[in-house]
Amino acid sequence: ALTTTTHMPRPLLAAAAALAFAGGIAAGLLLRPEPLTLSTGTLLEPPRAGAPFNLQGTGPDMLDAAAMTGQWALVFFGFTRCPDICPTTLQLLSNARERLSAQGFTPPEILLVTVDPEYDTVERLATYTQYFGQGITGATGPPDAVAAVARDLGIVYQRVPLEGDGYTMDHTGAVLLIGPDLNLRAVFSPPFDVSALAQDLAAILESES
């Protein structure tokens, strides 16, 4: 029996190869997950490695790499005598955390790092944070240790004298999302909205599951 082989002309063969290559690219693009976008913050891609914490928490242990690894954390820098921004932000974070729990997620812990470590003792932070519900921890330490953590995370703060001997603290109002690997994953900036923040956090947690 004779076997007949049909040869495709070279131009047609090249065109077919190009179409196959283009089809493979298109299929790859279709299979590639859509990039995650946030409505209330900035997702860091790739995540940014942060210096390890070494602060004293309101719990019995130090807040260091060993204590923080393996869990998500929403980190906010503020102080207990803050008149408005700090309590408002902490309550909003607590409300967002409750919404995540209601949706079946394990919500991030909330960490308040004081920018006034000379006044905010562990005891003062413990009393202050308990007003905002569960899952909130305060953190303090020597001024240089607090400054090092803030600087590494891009947080700026300064002491502002008031009349007499009083003072207040100006500070960045951003909320930082730290991943279980201790990397900085997202930065959320005010003004905040509970629903939008909870939705963004849910999207991030779902993408990591």
Protein backbone atom coordinates (compact mmCIF):
# COMPACT_ATOMS: atom_id res chain seq x y z
CA ALA A 1 0.00 0.00 0.00
CA LEU A 2 1.18 3.48 -0.79
CA THR A 3 1.28 6.10 1.97
CA THR A 4 0.58 9.60 0.81
CA THR A 5 1.95 12.51 2.84
CA THR A 6 0.55 15.95 2.22
CA HIS A 7 3.00 18.73 2.90
CA MET A 8 1.62 22.13 3.95
CA PRO A 9 3.22 25.00 2.06
CA ARG A 10 5.81 26.83 4.16
CA PRO A 11 3.85 30.14 4.37
CA LEU A 12 0.76 28.31 5.57
CA LEU A 13 2.82 26.31 8.06
CA ALA A 14 4.31 29.49 9.49
CA ALA A 15 0.88 31.08 9.74
CA ALA A 16 -0.52 28.04 11.50
CA ALA A 17 2.35 28.06 13.98
CA ALA A 18 1.79 31.75 14.65
CA LEU A 19 -1.92 31.17 15.23
CA ALA A 20 -1.17 28.30 17.61
CA PHE A 21 1.32 30.44 19.52
CA ALA A 22 -1.15 33.32 19.74
CA GLY A 23 -3.87 30.93 20.86
CA GLY A 24 -1.61 29.62 23.60
CA ILE A 25 -0.96 33.16 24.83
CA ALA A 26 -4.67 33.97 24.77
CA ALA A 27 -5.48 30.82 26.72
CA GLY A 28 -2.83 31.71 29.27
CA LEU A 29 -4.26 35.19 29.69
CA LEU A 30 -7.74 33.77 30.16
CA LEU A 31 -6.51 31.37 32.82
CA ARG A 32 -4.48 34.02 34.66
CA PRO A 33 -6.38 35.35 37.70
CA GLU A 34 -7.53 38.94 37.58
CA PRO A 35 -5.29 41.26 39.60
CA LEU A 36 -6.83 42.13 42.93
CA THR A 37 -7.82 45.77 43.26
CA LEU A 38 -8.82 47.53 46.46
CA SER A 39 -11.33 50.32 46.84
CA THR A 40 -9.91 51.75 50.06
CA GLY A 41 -6.19 51.12 49.90
CA THR A 42 -3.13 49.98 47.99
CA LEU A 43 -2.19 46.33 47.58
CA LEU A 44 1.56 45.82 47.55
CA GLU A 45 2.67 43.47 44.78
CA PRO A 46 5.01 41.99 45.63
CA PRO A 47 4.57 42.29 49.40
CA ARG A 48 7.26 44.31 51.13
CA ALA A 49 9.42 42.62 53.72
CA GLY A 50 9.36 44.40 57.06
CA ALA A 51 11.76 44.49 59.95
CA PRO A 52 10.70 42.25 62.83
CA PHE A 53 8.75 43.79 65.67
CA ASN A 54 10.35 43.82 69.07
CA LEU A 55 7.83 45.60 71.28
CA GLN A 56 6.02 44.85 74.53
CA GLY A 57 2.39 43.94 74.05
CA THR A 58 -0.47 44.26 76.47
CA GLY A 59 -0.43 40.49 76.74
CA PRO A 60 2.18 38.58 78.73
CA ASP A 61 4.60 38.13 75.83
CA MET A 62 6.79 40.31 73.66
CA LEU A 63 5.43 41.21 70.24
CA ASP A 64 8.21 39.81 68.12
CA ALA A 65 8.50 37.65 65.00
CA ALA A 66 7.67 34.47 66.90
CA ALA A 67 4.49 35.98 68.38
CA MET A 68 3.23 37.53 65.13
CA THR A 69 4.10 34.87 62.56
CA GLY A 70 1.12 32.91 61.26
CA GLN A 71 -1.60 35.50 61.69
CA TRP A 72 -2.88 38.55 59.86
CA ALA A 73 -2.65 41.89 61.66
CA LEU A 74 -4.07 45.37 61.08
CA VAL A 75 -1.48 47.76 62.49
CA PHE A 76 -2.37 51.32 63.46
CA PHE A 77 -0.06 53.86 65.09
CA GLY A 78 -1.78 56.13 67.60
CA PHE A 79 -1.87 57.03 71.30
CA THR A 80 -4.27 56.76 74.21
CA ARG A 81 -4.78 60.51 74.67
CA CYS A 82 -5.67 61.01 71.00
CA PRO A 83 -8.91 63.01 70.99
CA ASP A 84 -10.62 61.78 67.82
CA ILE A 85 -8.74 60.02 65.01
CA CYS A 86 -7.45 57.12 67.09
CA PRO A 87 -10.67 56.05 68.83
CA THR A 88 -12.64 56.51 65.60
CA THR A 89 -10.19 54.37 63.63
CA LEU A 90 -9.98 51.64 66.25
CA GLN A 91 -13.76 51.39 66.48
CA LEU A 92 -14.01 51.19 62.69
CA LEU A 93 -11.40 48.43 62.58
CA SER A 94 -13.26 46.56 65.29
CA ASN A 95 -16.51 46.84 63.32
CA ALA A 96 -14.80 45.63 60.13
CA ARG A 97 -13.37 42.71 62.08
CA GLU A 98 -16.87 41.74 63.28
CA ARG A 99 -18.15 41.81 59.71
CA LEU A 100 -15.39 39.48 58.59
CA SER A 101 -16.21 37.07 61.40
CA ALA A 102 -19.87 37.10 60.37
CA GLN A 103 -18.78 36.14 56.84
CA GLY A 104 -16.85 33.13 58.11
CA PHE A 105 -13.34 34.59 57.91
CA THR A 106 -10.75 34.49 60.65
CA PRO A 107 -10.28 38.25 60.99
CA PRO A 108 -6.90 39.95 61.41
CA GLU A 109 -5.85 40.96 64.88
CA ILE A 110 -5.75 44.71 65.52
CA LEU A 111 -2.48 46.11 66.83
CA LEU A 112 -2.26 49.63 68.25
CA VAL A 113 1.37 50.76 68.37
CA THR A 114 1.69 53.85 70.53
CA VAL A 115 3.50 56.91 69.18
CA ASP A 116 3.69 58.24 72.74
CA PRO A 117 5.67 55.52 74.51
CA GLU A 118 6.81 57.83 77.29
CA TYR A 119 3.21 58.10 78.50
CA ASP A 120 1.49 54.99 77.16
CA THR A 121 2.55 52.23 79.50
CA VAL A 122 1.43 48.65 79.02
CA GLU A 123 -1.21 49.17 81.70
CA ARG A 124 -2.62 52.31 80.05
CA LEU A 125 -2.72 50.60 76.68
CA ALA A 126 -4.47 47.56 78.14
CA THR A 127 -7.18 49.74 79.70
CA TYR A 128 -7.59 51.78 76.52
CA THR A 129 -7.80 48.94 74.01
CA GLN A 130 -10.41 46.99 75.97
CA TYR A 131 -13.02 49.60 75.05
CA PHE A 132 -12.90 48.51 71.40
CA GLY A 133 -13.81 44.86 71.74
CA GLN A 134 -11.98 41.63 71.16
CA GLY A 135 -8.88 41.05 69.10
CA ILE A 136 -7.12 44.35 69.88
CA THR A 137 -3.63 44.47 71.36
CA GLY A 138 -1.60 47.49 72.38
CA ALA A 139 2.16 47.71 71.90
CA THR A 140 4.82 49.96 73.36
CA GLY A 141 8.51 49.94 74.06
CA PRO A 142 11.54 52.21 74.34
CA PRO A 143 11.14 55.31 72.14
CA ASP A 144 13.93 54.21 69.80
CA ALA A 145 12.33 50.78 69.32
CA VAL A 146 8.94 52.32 68.49
CA ALA A 147 10.62 54.78 66.13
CA ALA A 148 12.44 51.96 64.33
CA VAL A 149 9.22 50.04 63.67
CA ALA A 150 7.42 53.18 62.52
CA ARG A 151 10.25 54.20 60.23
CA ASP A 152 10.41 50.76 58.64
CA LEU A 153 6.68 50.84 57.90
CA GLY A 154 6.66 54.40 56.57
CA ILE A 155 4.86 55.94 59.55
CA VAL A 156 5.69 59.50 60.55
CA TYR A 157 4.88 61.08 63.91
CA GLN A 158 6.06 64.00 66.02
CA ARG A 159 5.39 65.60 69.37
CA VAL A 160 3.57 68.93 69.18
CA PRO A 161 3.79 71.24 72.24
CA LEU A 162 0.60 72.79 73.59
CA GLU A 163 0.11 75.71 75.94
CA GLY A 164 1.61 75.12 79.33
CA ASP A 165 3.41 71.81 79.68
CA GLY A 166 0.98 69.82 77.55
CA TYR A 167 1.56 68.25 74.18
CA THR A 168 -0.16 66.15 71.55
CA MET A 169 1.12 63.79 68.84
CA ASP A 170 0.74 64.27 65.11
CA HIS A 171 0.93 60.97 63.27
CA THR A 172 0.16 59.18 60.03
CA GLY A 173 -3.41 57.88 60.01
CA ALA A 174 -2.84 54.90 57.72
CA VAL A 175 -3.73 51.31 58.63
CA LEU A 176 -1.24 48.63 57.57
CA LEU A 177 -2.06 45.02 56.79
CA ILE A 178 0.71 42.62 57.84
CA GLY A 179 0.52 39.08 56.50
CA PRO A 180 1.20 35.80 58.33
CA ASP A 181 4.70 35.89 56.84
CA LEU A 182 5.29 39.32 58.50
CA ASN A 183 5.38 41.05 55.11
CA LEU A 184 3.51 44.29 54.51
CA ARG A 185 0.62 43.38 52.20
CA ALA A 186 -1.55 46.51 51.94
CA VAL A 187 -1.85 50.10 53.11
CA PHE A 188 -5.26 51.65 53.82
CA SER A 189 -5.58 55.43 54.04
CA PRO A 190 -8.33 57.58 55.57
CA PRO A 191 -11.11 58.45 55.23
CA PHE A 192 -12.28 54.94 56.06
CA ASP A 193 -15.59 53.21 55.39
CA VAL A 194 -16.46 50.07 57.34
CA SER A 195 -18.21 48.27 54.49
CA ALA A 196 -15.54 49.04 51.90
CA LEU A 197 -12.70 48.13 54.26
CA ALA A 198 -14.33 44.84 55.24
CA GLN A 199 -14.92 44.03 51.56
CA ASP A 200 -11.29 44.71 50.68
CA LEU A 201 -10.02 42.63 53.58
CA ALA A 202 -12.35 39.77 52.65
CA ALA A 203 -11.02 39.84 49.08
CA ILE A 204 -7.43 39.66 50.30
CA LEU A 205 -8.12 36.84 52.75
CA GLU A 206 -10.08 34.89 50.14
CA SER A 207 -7.27 35.25 47.60
CA GLU A 208 -4.86 33.77 50.12
CA SER A 209 -7.02 30.81 51.08
